[in-house]
Amino acid sequence: MAKILIADDSLAELQLFQAALQSTGHSIVTAMDGEAAEEKVKTEKIDLIILDVVMPKKNGFQVCRDIKNNEKFKNIPIIMVTSKDQESDKFWGMKQGADEYLIKPFQPEDLLKAVKKYI
């Protein structure tokens, strides 16, 4: 069983992610902003990160870049999930080190498929 970190500043979105992932049996931890997400990565053994882009304190692009630039955490897969749907946003997200980029609103099966790729 893997531990998945979901970082999103919207409680409704967090609940949506949790509902979609409930059937997988993985354990879920959440963070409501970028700094809290980075703190969880440092203090818990995270196997996969689902990361919103637009968040307070640190945005998802910054968090992704910080994690991928850290020797200790760079191998943790990151799935960015965001309403930022421009091709340039996707390009920028992948450039920061994201392994996957999903656009909100997404279908739960798309999220599950992306998660299964990495754990």
PDB file of N, CA and C in Angstrom:
ATOM      1  N   MET A   1       0.834  -1.193   0.000  1.00  0.00           N
ATOM      2  CA  MET A   1       0.000   0.000   0.000  1.00  0.00           C
ATOM      3  C   MET A   1       0.872   1.246   0.000  1.00  0.00           C
ATOM      4  N   ALA A   2       0.522   2.185  -0.852  1.00  0.00           N
ATOM      5  CA  ALA A   2       1.299   3.413  -0.994  1.00  0.00           C
ATOM      6  C   ALA A   2       0.673   4.543  -0.181  1.00  0.00           C
ATOM      7  N   LYS A   3       1.485   5.557   0.093  1.00  0.00           N
ATOM      8  CA  LYS A   3       0.989   6.756   0.762  1.00  0.00           C
ATOM      9  C   LYS A   3       0.983   7.878  -0.273  1.00  0.00           C
ATOM     10  N   ILE A   4      -0.206   8.435  -0.499  1.00  0.00           N
ATOM     11  CA  ILE A   4      -0.388   9.476  -1.509  1.00  0.00           C
ATOM     12  C   ILE A   4      -0.657  10.810  -0.814  1.00  0.00           C
ATOM     13  N   LEU A   5       0.103  11.820  -1.194  1.00  0.00           N
ATOM     14  CA  LEU A   5      -0.125  13.173  -0.696  1.00  0.00           C
ATOM     15  C   LEU A   5      -0.950  13.931  -1.728  1.00  0.00           C
ATOM     16  N   ILE A   6      -2.073  14.489  -1.277  1.00  0.00           N
ATOM     17  CA  ILE A   6      -2.892  15.341  -2.144  1.00  0.00           C
ATOM     18  C   ILE A   6      -2.776  16.765  -1.622  1.00  0.00           C
ATOM     19  N   ALA A   7      -2.281  17.666  -2.456  1.00  0.00           N
ATOM     20  CA  ALA A   7      -2.139  19.068  -2.066  1.00  0.00           C
ATOM     21  C   ALA A   7      -3.058  19.924  -2.925  1.00  0.00           C
ATOM     22  N   ASP A   8      -4.064  20.507  -2.283  1.00  0.00           N
ATOM     23  CA  ASP A   8      -5.020  21.367  -2.971  1.00  0.00           C
ATOM     24  C   ASP A   8      -5.624  22.293  -1.923  1.00  0.00           C
ATOM     25  N   ASP A   9      -5.820  23.563  -2.261  1.00  0.00           N
ATOM     26  CA  ASP A   9      -6.349  24.512  -1.285  1.00  0.00           C
ATOM     27  C   ASP A   9      -7.874  24.493  -1.201  1.00  0.00           C
ATOM     28  N   SER A  10      -8.514  23.656  -2.004  1.00  0.00           N
ATOM     29  CA  SER A  10      -9.974  23.552  -1.977  1.00  0.00           C
ATOM     30  C   SER A  10     -10.397  22.268  -1.270  1.00  0.00           C
ATOM     31  N   LEU A  11     -11.174  22.431  -0.200  1.00  0.00           N
ATOM     32  CA  LEU A  11     -11.656  21.274   0.547  1.00  0.00           C
ATOM     33  C   LEU A  11     -12.507  20.372  -0.341  1.00  0.00           C
ATOM     34  N   ALA A  12     -13.319  20.991  -1.199  1.00  0.00           N
ATOM     35  CA  ALA A  12     -14.174  20.215  -2.108  1.00  0.00           C
ATOM     36  C   ALA A  12     -13.319  19.363  -3.047  1.00  0.00           C
ATOM     37  N   GLU A  13     -12.243  19.940  -3.566  1.00  0.00           N
ATOM     38  CA  GLU A  13     -11.346  19.192  -4.458  1.00  0.00           C
ATOM     39  C   GLU A  13     -10.663  18.055  -3.705  1.00  0.00           C
ATOM     40  N   LEU A  14     -10.210  18.333  -2.482  1.00  0.00           N
ATOM     41  CA  LEU A  14      -9.569  17.278  -1.679  1.00  0.00           C
ATOM     42  C   LEU A  14     -10.525  16.105  -1.500  1.00  0.00           C
ATOM     43  N   GLN A  15     -11.789  16.416  -1.204  1.00  0.00           N
ATOM     44  CA  GLN A  15     -12.787  15.354  -1.007  1.00  0.00           C
ATOM     45  C   GLN A  15     -13.029  14.583  -2.301  1.00  0.00           C
ATOM     46  N   LEU A  16     -13.016  15.284  -3.419  1.00  0.00           N
ATOM     47  CA  LEU A  16     -13.193  14.658  -4.720  1.00  0.00           C
ATOM     48  C   LEU A  16     -12.052  13.672  -4.999  1.00  0.00           C
ATOM     49  N   PHE A  17     -10.814  14.114  -4.747  1.00  0.00           N
ATOM     50  CA  PHE A  17      -9.654  13.243  -4.925  1.00  0.00           C
ATOM     51  C   PHE A  17      -9.757  12.015  -4.022  1.00  0.00           C
ATOM     52  N   GLN A  18     -10.086  12.257  -2.751  1.00  0.00           N
ATOM     53  CA  GLN A  18     -10.167  11.153  -1.798  1.00  0.00           C
ATOM     54  C   GLN A  18     -11.236  10.146  -2.216  1.00  0.00           C
ATOM     55  N   ALA A  19     -12.371  10.642  -2.677  1.00  0.00           N
ATOM     56  CA  ALA A  19     -13.446   9.753  -3.133  1.00  0.00           C
ATOM     57  C   ALA A  19     -12.982   8.916  -4.325  1.00  0.00           C
ATOM     58  N   ALA A  20     -12.276   9.562  -5.258  1.00  0.00           N
ATOM     59  CA  ALA A  20     -11.797   8.853  -6.450  1.00  0.00           C
ATOM     60  C   ALA A  20     -10.775   7.778  -6.082  1.00  0.00           C
ATOM     61  N   LEU A  21      -9.971   8.035  -5.049  1.00  0.00           N
ATOM     62  CA  LEU A  21      -8.883   7.112  -4.696  1.00  0.00           C
ATOM     63  C   LEU A  21      -9.259   6.100  -3.607  1.00  0.00           C
ATOM     64  N   GLN A  22     -10.437   6.273  -3.029  1.00  0.00           N
ATOM     65  CA  GLN A  22     -10.880   5.427  -1.920  1.00  0.00           C
ATOM     66  C   GLN A  22     -10.762   3.931  -2.231  1.00  0.00           C
ATOM     67  N   SER A  23     -11.154   3.558  -3.428  1.00  0.00           N
ATOM     68  CA  SER A  23     -11.194   2.147  -3.806  1.00  0.00           C
ATOM     69  C   SER A  23      -9.799   1.520  -3.954  1.00  0.00           C
ATOM     70  N   THR A  24      -8.757   2.346  -4.005  1.00  0.00           N
ATOM     71  CA  THR A  24      -7.414   1.815  -4.251  1.00  0.00           C
ATOM     72  C   THR A  24      -6.798   1.198  -2.996  1.00  0.00           C
ATOM     73  N   GLY A  25      -7.290   1.590  -1.826  1.00  0.00           N
ATOM     74  CA  GLY A  25      -6.733   1.067  -0.583  1.00  0.00           C
ATOM     75  C   GLY A  25      -5.467   1.780  -0.131  1.00  0.00           C
ATOM     76  N   HIS A  26      -4.994   2.746  -0.913  1.00  0.00           N
ATOM     77  CA  HIS A  26      -3.796   3.489  -0.518  1.00  0.00           C
ATOM     78  C   HIS A  26      -4.135   4.445   0.618  1.00  0.00           C
ATOM     79  N   SER A  27      -3.140   4.800   1.414  1.00  0.00           N
ATOM     80  CA  SER A  27      -3.408   5.769   2.467  1.00  0.00           C
ATOM     81  C   SER A  27      -3.198   7.175   1.903  1.00  0.00           C
ATOM     82  N   ILE A  28      -4.042   8.099   2.341  1.00  0.00           N
ATOM     83  CA  ILE A  28      -4.068   9.452   1.793  1.00  0.00           C
ATOM     84  C   ILE A  28      -3.707  10.442   2.898  1.00  0.00           C
ATOM     85  N   VAL A  29      -2.804  11.362   2.588  1.00  0.00           N
ATOM     86  CA  VAL A  29      -2.554  12.503   3.463  1.00  0.00           C
ATOM     87  C   VAL A  29      -2.808  13.752   2.629  1.00  0.00           C
ATOM     88  N   THR A  30      -3.213  14.835   3.288  1.00  0.00           N
ATOM     89  CA  THR A  30      -3.570  16.037   2.533  1.00  0.00           C
ATOM     90  C   THR A  30      -2.814  17.257   3.044  1.00  0.00           C
ATOM     91  N   ALA A  31      -2.725  18.247   2.173  1.00  0.00           N
ATOM     92  CA  ALA A  31      -2.145  19.549   2.521  1.00  0.00           C
ATOM     93  C   ALA A  31      -2.958  20.614   1.803  1.00  0.00           C
ATOM     94  N   MET A  32      -3.149  21.747   2.466  1.00  0.00           N
ATOM     95  CA  MET A  32      -3.986  22.812   1.906  1.00  0.00           C
ATOM     96  C   MET A  32      -3.177  23.950   1.261  1.00  0.00           C
ATOM     97  N   ASP A  33      -1.854  23.875   1.343  1.00  0.00           N
ATOM     98  CA  ASP A  33      -1.034  24.877   0.658  1.00  0.00           C
ATOM     99  C   ASP A  33       0.329  24.273   0.323  1.00  0.00           C
ATOM    100  N   GLY A  34       1.090  25.010  -0.464  1.00  0.00           N
ATOM    101  CA  GLY A  34       2.367  24.505  -0.949  1.00  0.00           C
ATOM    102  C   GLY A  34       3.385  24.230   0.150  1.00  0.00           C
ATOM    103  N   GLU A  35       3.448  25.108   1.135  1.00  0.00           N
ATOM    104  CA  GLU A  35       4.412  24.915   2.228  1.00  0.00           C
ATOM    105  C   GLU A  35       4.067  23.671   3.039  1.00  0.00           C
ATOM    106  N   ALA A  36       2.778  23.489   3.329  1.00  0.00           N
ATOM    107  CA  ALA A  36       2.346  22.307   4.089  1.00  0.00           C
ATOM    108  C   ALA A  36       2.661  21.033   3.306  1.00  0.00           C
ATOM    109  N   ALA A  37       2.512  21.096   1.985  1.00  0.00           N
ATOM    110  CA  ALA A  37       2.813  19.934   1.135  1.00  0.00           C
ATOM    111  C   ALA A  37       4.286  19.565   1.256  1.00  0.00           C
ATOM    112  N   GLU A  38       5.166  20.565   1.168  1.00  0.00           N
ATOM    113  CA  GLU A  38       6.599  20.294   1.281  1.00  0.00           C
ATOM    114  C   GLU A  38       6.950  19.734   2.651  1.00  0.00           C
ATOM    115  N   GLU A  39       6.287  20.245   3.686  1.00  0.00           N
ATOM    116  CA  GLU A  39       6.528  19.760   5.051  1.00  0.00           C
ATOM    117  C   GLU A  39       6.162  18.278   5.176  1.00  0.00           C
ATOM    118  N   LYS A  40       5.032  17.904   4.580  1.00  0.00           N
ATOM    119  CA  LYS A  40       4.599  16.489   4.634  1.00  0.00           C
ATOM    120  C   LYS A  40       5.592  15.590   3.910  1.00  0.00           C
ATOM    121  N   VAL A  41       6.129  16.065   2.783  1.00  0.00           N
ATOM    122  CA  VAL A  41       7.103  15.275   2.028  1.00  0.00           C
ATOM    123  C   VAL A  41       8.340  15.030   2.891  1.00  0.00           C
ATOM    124  N   LYS A  42       8.727  16.029   3.679  1.00  0.00           N
ATOM    125  CA  LYS A  42       9.922  15.912   4.510  1.00  0.00           C
ATOM    126  C   LYS A  42       9.701  15.043   5.746  1.00  0.00           C
ATOM    127  N   THR A  43       8.456  14.984   6.243  1.00  0.00           N
ATOM    128  CA  THR A  43       8.218  14.295   7.516  1.00  0.00           C
ATOM    129  C   THR A  43       7.547  12.930   7.379  1.00  0.00           C
ATOM    130  N   GLU A  44       6.991  12.636   6.212  1.00  0.00           N
ATOM    131  CA  GLU A  44       6.325  11.344   6.027  1.00  0.00           C
ATOM    132  C   GLU A  44       6.896  10.677   4.778  1.00  0.00           C
ATOM    133  N   LYS A  45       6.788   9.346   4.724  1.00  0.00           N
ATOM    134  CA  LYS A  45       7.292   8.663   3.532  1.00  0.00           C
ATOM    135  C   LYS A  45       6.189   8.665   2.469  1.00  0.00           C
ATOM    136  N   ILE A  46       6.293   9.613   1.548  1.00  0.00           N
ATOM    137  CA  ILE A  46       5.281   9.789   0.507  1.00  0.00           C
ATOM    138  C   ILE A  46       5.711   9.025  -0.749  1.00  0.00           C
ATOM    139  N   ASP A  47       4.770   8.283  -1.351  1.00  0.00           N
ATOM    140  CA  ASP A  47       5.074   7.500  -2.548  1.00  0.00           C
ATOM    141  C   ASP A  47       4.638   8.186  -3.838  1.00  0.00           C
ATOM    142  N   LEU A  48       3.673   9.115  -3.729  1.00  0.00           N
ATOM    143  CA  LEU A  48       3.135   9.795  -4.904  1.00  0.00           C
ATOM    144  C   LEU A  48       2.513  11.107  -4.447  1.00  0.00           C
ATOM    145  N   ILE A  49       2.643  12.147  -5.271  1.00  0.00           N
ATOM    146  CA  ILE A  49       2.071  13.452  -4.930  1.00  0.00           C
ATOM    147  C   ILE A  49       1.092  13.866  -6.025  1.00  0.00           C
ATOM    148  N   ILE A  50      -0.106  14.264  -5.595  1.00  0.00           N
ATOM    149  CA  ILE A  50      -1.091  14.862  -6.494  1.00  0.00           C
ATOM    150  C   ILE A  50      -1.133  16.338  -6.103  1.00  0.00           C
ATOM    151  N   LEU A  51      -0.791  17.199  -7.059  1.00  0.00           N
ATOM    152  CA  LEU A  51      -0.481  18.580  -6.724  1.00  0.00           C
ATOM    153  C   LEU A  51      -1.293  19.566  -7.553  1.00  0.00           C
ATOM    154  N   ASP A  52      -2.036  20.425  -6.856  1.00  0.00           N
ATOM    155  CA  ASP A  52      -2.734  21.525  -7.520  1.00  0.00           C
ATOM    156  C   ASP A  52      -1.685  22.592  -7.856  1.00  0.00           C
ATOM    157  N   VAL A  53      -1.947  23.427  -8.842  1.00  0.00           N
ATOM    158  CA  VAL A  53      -0.991  24.482  -9.179  1.00  0.00           C
ATOM    159  C   VAL A  53      -1.279  25.754  -8.393  1.00  0.00           C
ATOM    160  N   VAL A  54      -2.544  26.194  -8.394  1.00  0.00           N
ATOM    161  CA  VAL A  54      -2.888  27.467  -7.760  1.00  0.00           C
ATOM    162  C   VAL A  54      -3.196  27.218  -6.276  1.00  0.00           C
ATOM    163  N   MET A  55      -2.207  27.540  -5.429  1.00  0.00           N
ATOM    164  CA  MET A  55      -2.353  27.352  -3.973  1.00  0.00           C
ATOM    165  C   MET A  55      -1.675  28.517  -3.258  1.00  0.00           C
ATOM    166  N   PRO A  56      -2.100  28.784  -2.009  1.00  0.00           N
ATOM    167  CA  PRO A  56      -1.437  29.852  -1.246  1.00  0.00           C
ATOM    168  C   PRO A  56      -0.030  29.448  -0.796  1.00  0.00           C
ATOM    169  N   LYS A  57       0.731  30.435  -0.394  1.00  0.00           N
ATOM    170  CA  LYS A  57       2.096  30.320   0.141  1.00  0.00           C
ATOM    171  C   LYS A  57       3.114  29.895  -0.909  1.00  0.00           C
ATOM    172  N   LYS A  58       2.915  28.764  -1.543  1.00  0.00           N
ATOM    173  CA  LYS A  58       3.788  28.317  -2.631  1.00  0.00           C
ATOM    174  C   LYS A  58       2.905  27.644  -3.656  1.00  0.00           C
ATOM    175  N   ASN A  59       3.055  28.001  -4.931  1.00  0.00           N
ATOM    176  CA  ASN A  59       2.207  27.346  -5.928  1.00  0.00           C
ATOM    177  C   ASN A  59       2.775  25.972  -6.293  1.00  0.00           C
ATOM    178  N   GLY A  60       1.970  25.194  -7.001  1.00  0.00           N
ATOM    179  CA  GLY A  60       2.350  23.829  -7.342  1.00  0.00           C
ATOM    180  C   GLY A  60       3.600  23.744  -8.201  1.00  0.00           C
ATOM    181  N   PHE A  61       3.806  24.728  -9.073  1.00  0.00           N
ATOM    182  CA  PHE A  61       5.014  24.731  -9.897  1.00  0.00           C
ATOM    183  C   PHE A  61       6.261  24.827  -9.007  1.00  0.00           C
ATOM    184  N   GLN A  62       6.199  25.737  -8.000  1.00  0.00           N
ATOM    185  CA  GLN A  62       7.337  25.916  -7.085  1.00  0.00           C
ATOM    186  C   GLN A  62       7.578  24.654  -6.253  1.00  0.00           C
ATOM    187  N   VAL A  63       6.496  24.080  -5.738  1.00  0.00           N
ATOM    188  CA  VAL A  63       6.613  22.873  -4.917  1.00  0.00           C
ATOM    189  C   VAL A  63       7.216  21.739  -5.745  1.00  0.00           C
ATOM    190  N   CYS A  64       6.707  21.570  -6.948  1.00  0.00           N
ATOM    191  CA  CYS A  64       7.201  20.519  -7.835  1.00  0.00           C
ATOM    192  C   CYS A  64       8.699  20.701  -8.088  1.00  0.00           C
ATOM    193  N   ARG A  65       9.092  21.914  -8.416  1.00  0.00           N
ATOM    194  CA  ARG A  65      10.503  22.203  -8.701  1.00  0.00           C
ATOM    195  C   ARG A  65      11.364  21.918  -7.469  1.00  0.00           C
ATOM    196  N   ASP A  66      10.926  22.366  -6.290  1.00  0.00           N
ATOM    197  CA  ASP A  66      11.696  22.142  -5.060  1.00  0.00           C
ATOM    198  C   ASP A  66      11.876  20.659  -4.769  1.00  0.00           C
ATOM    199  N   ILE A  67      10.804  19.894  -4.936  1.00  0.00           N
ATOM    200  CA  ILE A  67      10.876  18.450  -4.654  1.00  0.00           C
ATOM    201  C   ILE A  67      11.788  17.751  -5.661  1.00  0.00           C
ATOM    202  N   LYS A  68      11.620  18.082  -6.932  1.00  0.00           N
ATOM    203  CA  LYS A  68      12.417  17.419  -7.975  1.00  0.00           C
ATOM    204  C   LYS A  68      13.892  17.825  -7.926  1.00  0.00           C
ATOM    205  N   ASN A  69      14.199  18.988  -7.333  1.00  0.00           N
ATOM    206  CA  ASN A  69      15.591  19.424  -7.201  1.00  0.00           C
ATOM    207  C   ASN A  69      16.247  18.887  -5.930  1.00  0.00           C
ATOM    208  N   ASN A  70      15.470  18.203  -5.097  1.00  0.00           N
ATOM    209  CA  ASN A  70      16.001  17.661  -3.847  1.00  0.00           C
ATOM    210  C   ASN A  70      16.393  16.201  -4.067  1.00  0.00           C
ATOM    211  N   GLU A  71      17.651  15.905  -3.889  1.00  0.00           N
ATOM    212  CA  GLU A  71      18.197  14.569  -4.127  1.00  0.00           C
ATOM    213  C   GLU A  71      17.392  13.486  -3.399  1.00  0.00           C
ATOM    214  N   LYS A  72      16.933  13.806  -2.200  1.00  0.00           N
ATOM    215  CA  LYS A  72      16.236  12.829  -1.356  1.00  0.00           C
ATOM    216  C   LYS A  72      14.820  12.509  -1.862  1.00  0.00           C
ATOM    217  N   PHE A  73      14.186  13.468  -2.522  1.00  0.00           N
ATOM    218  CA  PHE A  73      12.773  13.315  -2.887  1.00  0.00           C
ATOM    219  C   PHE A  73      12.509  13.293  -4.388  1.00  0.00           C
ATOM    220  N   LYS A  74      13.546  13.480  -5.210  1.00  0.00           N
ATOM    221  CA  LYS A  74      13.337  13.695  -6.648  1.00  0.00           C
ATOM    222  C   LYS A  74      12.675  12.523  -7.367  1.00  0.00           C
ATOM    223  N   ASN A  75      12.700  11.338  -6.776  1.00  0.00           N
ATOM    224  CA  ASN A  75      12.090  10.179  -7.445  1.00  0.00           C
ATOM    225  C   ASN A  75      10.621   9.976  -7.107  1.00  0.00           C
ATOM    226  N   ILE A  76      10.062  10.844  -6.271  1.00  0.00           N
ATOM    227  CA  ILE A  76       8.629  10.746  -5.963  1.00  0.00           C
ATOM    228  C   ILE A  76       7.856  11.254  -7.188  1.00  0.00           C
ATOM    229  N   PRO A  77       6.988  10.402  -7.763  1.00  0.00           N
ATOM    230  CA  PRO A  77       6.200  10.866  -8.921  1.00  0.00           C
ATOM    231  C   PRO A  77       5.226  11.980  -8.522  1.00  0.00           C
ATOM    232  N   ILE A  78       5.083  12.956  -9.391  1.00  0.00           N
ATOM    233  CA  ILE A  78       4.162  14.076  -9.142  1.00  0.00           C
ATOM    234  C   ILE A  78       3.164  14.167 -10.284  1.00  0.00           C
ATOM    235  N   ILE A  79       1.878  14.131  -9.905  1.00  0.00           N
ATOM    236  CA  ILE A  79       0.797  14.341 -10.873  1.00  0.00           C
ATOM    237  C   ILE A  79       0.221  15.726 -10.587  1.00  0.00           C
ATOM    238  N   MET A  80       0.388  16.648 -11.525  1.00  0.00           N
ATOM    239  CA  MET A  80      -0.200  17.975 -11.355  1.00  0.00           C
ATOM    240  C   MET A  80      -1.636  17.922 -11.858  1.00  0.00           C
ATOM    241  N   VAL A  81      -2.540  18.465 -11.053  1.00  0.00           N
ATOM    242  CA  VAL A  81      -3.951  18.512 -11.437  1.00  0.00           C
ATOM    243  C   VAL A  81      -4.388  19.958 -11.261  1.00  0.00           C
ATOM    244  N   THR A  82      -4.801  20.581 -12.358  1.00  0.00           N
ATOM    245  CA  THR A  82      -5.058  22.013 -12.302  1.00  0.00           C
ATOM    246  C   THR A  82      -6.102  22.452 -13.317  1.00  0.00           C
ATOM    247  N   SER A  83      -6.667  23.603 -13.074  1.00  0.00           N
ATOM    248  CA  SER A  83      -7.591  24.187 -14.050  1.00  0.00           C
ATOM    249  C   SER A  83      -6.814  24.973 -15.103  1.00  0.00           C
ATOM    250  N   LYS A  84      -5.508  25.128 -14.912  1.00  0.00           N
ATOM    251  CA  LYS A  84      -4.672  25.844 -15.890  1.00  0.00           C
ATOM    252  C   LYS A  84      -4.481  24.936 -17.102  1.00  0.00           C
ATOM    253  N   ASP A  85      -5.271  25.222 -18.162  1.00  0.00           N
ATOM    254  CA  ASP A  85      -5.362  24.269 -19.271  1.00  0.00           C
ATOM    255  C   ASP A  85      -4.648  24.715 -20.545  1.00  0.00           C
ATOM    256  N   GLN A  86      -3.868  25.790 -20.475  1.00  0.00           N
ATOM    257  CA  GLN A  86      -3.138  26.230 -21.659  1.00  0.00           C
ATOM    258  C   GLN A  86      -1.969  25.276 -21.924  1.00  0.00           C
ATOM    259  N   GLU A  87      -1.624  25.137 -23.169  1.00  0.00           N
ATOM    260  CA  GLU A  87      -0.490  24.281 -23.537  1.00  0.00           C
ATOM    261  C   GLU A  87       0.782  24.768 -22.844  1.00  0.00           C
ATOM    262  N   SER A  88       0.916  26.092 -22.699  1.00  0.00           N
ATOM    263  CA  SER A  88       2.105  26.660 -22.040  1.00  0.00           C
ATOM    264  C   SER A  88       2.147  26.261 -20.559  1.00  0.00           C
ATOM    265  N   ASP A  89       0.975  26.155 -19.915  1.00  0.00           N
ATOM    266  CA  ASP A  89       0.920  25.729 -18.509  1.00  0.00           C
ATOM    267  C   ASP A  89       1.410  24.292 -18.385  1.00  0.00           C
ATOM    268  N   LYS A  90       0.916  23.444 -19.284  1.00  0.00           N
ATOM    269  CA  LYS A  90       1.320  22.043 -19.260  1.00  0.00           C
ATOM    270  C   LYS A  90       2.833  21.929 -19.501  1.00  0.00           C
ATOM    271  N   PHE A  91       3.316  22.667 -20.482  1.00  0.00           N
ATOM    272  CA  PHE A  91       4.748  22.669 -20.786  1.00  0.00           C
ATOM    273  C   PHE A  91       5.551  23.087 -19.543  1.00  0.00           C
ATOM    274  N   TRP A  92       5.105  24.153 -18.888  1.00  0.00           N
ATOM    275  CA  TRP A  92       5.797  24.671 -17.714  1.00  0.00           C
ATOM    276  C   TRP A  92       5.752  23.643 -16.570  1.00  0.00           C
ATOM    277  N   GLY A  93       4.614  23.020 -16.380  1.00  0.00           N
ATOM    278  CA  GLY A  93       4.484  21.998 -15.336  1.00  0.00           C
ATOM    279  C   GLY A  93       5.438  20.840 -15.563  1.00  0.00           C
ATOM    280  N   MET A  94       5.520  20.378 -16.792  1.00  0.00           N
ATOM    281  CA  MET A  94       6.411  19.262 -17.111  1.00  0.00           C
ATOM    282  C   MET A  94       7.875  19.711 -16.972  1.00  0.00           C
ATOM    283  N   LYS A  95       8.143  20.958 -17.313  1.00  0.00           N
ATOM    284  CA  LYS A  95       9.497  21.491 -17.193  1.00  0.00           C
ATOM    285  C   LYS A  95       9.928  21.550 -15.721  1.00  0.00           C
ATOM    286  N   GLN A  96       8.976  21.747 -14.808  1.00  0.00           N
ATOM    287  CA  GLN A  96       9.292  21.792 -13.378  1.00  0.00           C
ATOM    288  C   GLN A  96       9.548  20.390 -12.816  1.00  0.00           C
ATOM    289  N   GLY A  97       9.219  19.372 -13.628  1.00  0.00           N
ATOM    290  CA  GLY A  97       9.490  18.010 -13.195  1.00  0.00           C
ATOM    291  C   GLY A  97       8.259  17.141 -13.003  1.00  0.00           C
ATOM    292  N   ALA A  98       7.073  17.673 -13.300  1.00  0.00           N
ATOM    293  CA  ALA A  98       5.859  16.867 -13.144  1.00  0.00           C
ATOM    294  C   ALA A  98       5.930  15.627 -14.035  1.00  0.00           C
ATOM    295  N   ASP A  99       5.428  14.521 -13.523  1.00  0.00           N
ATOM    296  CA  ASP A  99       5.422  13.279 -14.294  1.00  0.00           C
ATOM    297  C   ASP A  99       4.150  13.161 -15.131  1.00  0.00           C
ATOM    298  N   GLU A 100       3.117  13.874 -14.705  1.00  0.00           N
ATOM    299  CA  GLU A 100       1.803  13.793 -15.349  1.00  0.00           C
ATOM    300  C   GLU A 100       1.112  15.133 -15.134  1.00  0.00           C
ATOM    301  N   TYR A 101       0.214  15.507 -16.056  1.00  0.00           N
ATOM    302  CA  TYR A 101      -0.481  16.795 -15.957  1.00  0.00           C
ATOM    303  C   TYR A 101      -1.940  16.562 -16.337  1.00  0.00           C
ATOM    304  N   LEU A 102      -2.844  16.645 -15.355  1.00  0.00           N
ATOM    305  CA  LEU A 102      -4.275  16.464 -15.622  1.00  0.00           C
ATOM    306  C   LEU A 102      -4.989  17.805 -15.483  1.00  0.00           C
ATOM    307  N   ILE A 103      -5.976  18.022 -16.335  1.00  0.00           N
ATOM    308  CA  ILE A 103      -6.746  19.267 -16.312  1.00  0.00           C
ATOM    309  C   ILE A 103      -8.047  19.038 -15.542  1.00  0.00           C
ATOM    310  N   LYS A 104      -8.367  19.997 -14.637  1.00  0.00           N
ATOM    311  CA  LYS A 104      -9.663  19.971 -13.940  1.00  0.00           C
ATOM    312  C   LYS A 104     -10.697  20.591 -14.869  1.00  0.00           C
ATOM    313  N   PRO A 105     -11.936  20.165 -14.858  1.00  0.00           N
ATOM    314  CA  PRO A 105     -12.412  18.972 -14.138  1.00  0.00           C
ATOM    315  C   PRO A 105     -11.956  17.708 -14.864  1.00  0.00           C
ATOM    316  N   PHE A 106     -11.660  16.684 -14.098  1.00  0.00           N
ATOM    317  CA  PHE A 106     -11.179  15.434 -14.682  1.00  0.00           C
ATOM    318  C   PHE A 106     -12.149  14.323 -14.318  1.00  0.00           C
ATOM    319  N   GLN A 107     -12.054  13.221 -15.036  1.00  0.00           N
ATOM    320  CA  GLN A 107     -12.861  12.046 -14.713  1.00  0.00           C
ATOM    321  C   GLN A 107     -12.079  11.222 -13.680  1.00  0.00           C
ATOM    322  N   PRO A 108     -12.766  10.694 -12.661  1.00  0.00           N
ATOM    323  CA  PRO A 108     -12.060   9.887 -11.650  1.00  0.00           C
ATOM    324  C   PRO A 108     -11.208   8.777 -12.261  1.00  0.00           C
ATOM    325  N   GLU A 109     -11.701   8.166 -13.356  1.00  0.00           N
ATOM    326  CA  GLU A 109     -10.912   7.079 -13.963  1.00  0.00           C
ATOM    327  C   GLU A 109      -9.600   7.583 -14.569  1.00  0.00           C
ATOM    328  N   ASP A 110      -9.572   8.855 -15.024  1.00  0.00           N
ATOM    329  CA  ASP A 110      -8.320   9.421 -15.534  1.00  0.00           C
ATOM    330  C   ASP A 110      -7.293   9.553 -14.410  1.00  0.00           C
ATOM    331  N   LEU A 111      -7.766   9.994 -13.250  1.00  0.00           N
ATOM    332  CA  LEU A 111      -6.881  10.111 -12.095  1.00  0.00           C
ATOM    333  C   LEU A 111      -6.373   8.733 -11.674  1.00  0.00           C
ATOM    334  N   LEU A 112      -7.277   7.754 -11.600  1.00  0.00           N
ATOM    335  CA  LEU A 112      -6.885   6.395 -11.210  1.00  0.00           C
ATOM    336  C   LEU A 112      -5.866   5.806 -12.181  1.00  0.00           C
ATOM    337  N   LYS A 113      -6.074   6.050 -13.470  1.00  0.00           N
ATOM    338  CA  LYS A 113      -5.150   5.548 -14.478  1.00  0.00           C
ATOM    339  C   LYS A 113      -3.761   6.166 -14.274  1.00  0.00           C
ATOM    340  N   ALA A 114      -3.723   7.463 -14.016  1.00  0.00           N
ATOM    341  CA  ALA A 114      -2.440   8.154 -13.798  1.00  0.00           C
ATOM    342  C   ALA A 114      -1.756   7.622 -12.540  1.00  0.00           C
ATOM    343  N   VAL A 115      -2.520   7.422 -11.473  1.00  0.00           N
ATOM    344  CA  VAL A 115      -1.963   6.917 -10.214  1.00  0.00           C
ATOM    345  C   VAL A 115      -1.388   5.514 -10.416  1.00  0.00           C
ATOM    346  N   LYS A 116      -2.125   4.677 -11.117  1.00  0.00           N
ATOM    347  CA  LYS A 116      -1.686   3.282 -11.339  1.00  0.00           C
ATOM    348  C   LYS A 116      -0.382   3.195 -12.113  1.00  0.00           C
ATOM    349  N   LYS A 117      -0.112   4.211 -12.936  1.00  0.00           N
ATOM    350  CA  LYS A 117       1.141   4.230 -13.693  1.00  0.00           C
ATOM    351  C   LYS A 117       2.360   4.271 -12.779  1.00  0.00           C
ATOM    352  N   TYR A 118       2.192   4.899 -11.601  1.00  0.00           N
ATOM    353  CA  TYR A 118       3.353   5.190 -10.757  1.00  0.00           C
ATOM    354  C   TYR A 118       3.424   4.364  -9.473  1.00  0.00           C
ATOM    355  N   ILE A 119       2.301   3.770  -9.050  1.00  0.00           N
ATOM    356  CA  ILE A 119       2.353   2.935  -7.824  1.00  0.00           C
ATOM    357  C   ILE A 119       1.547   1.662  -8.000  1.00  0.00           C
TER     358      ILE A 119
END
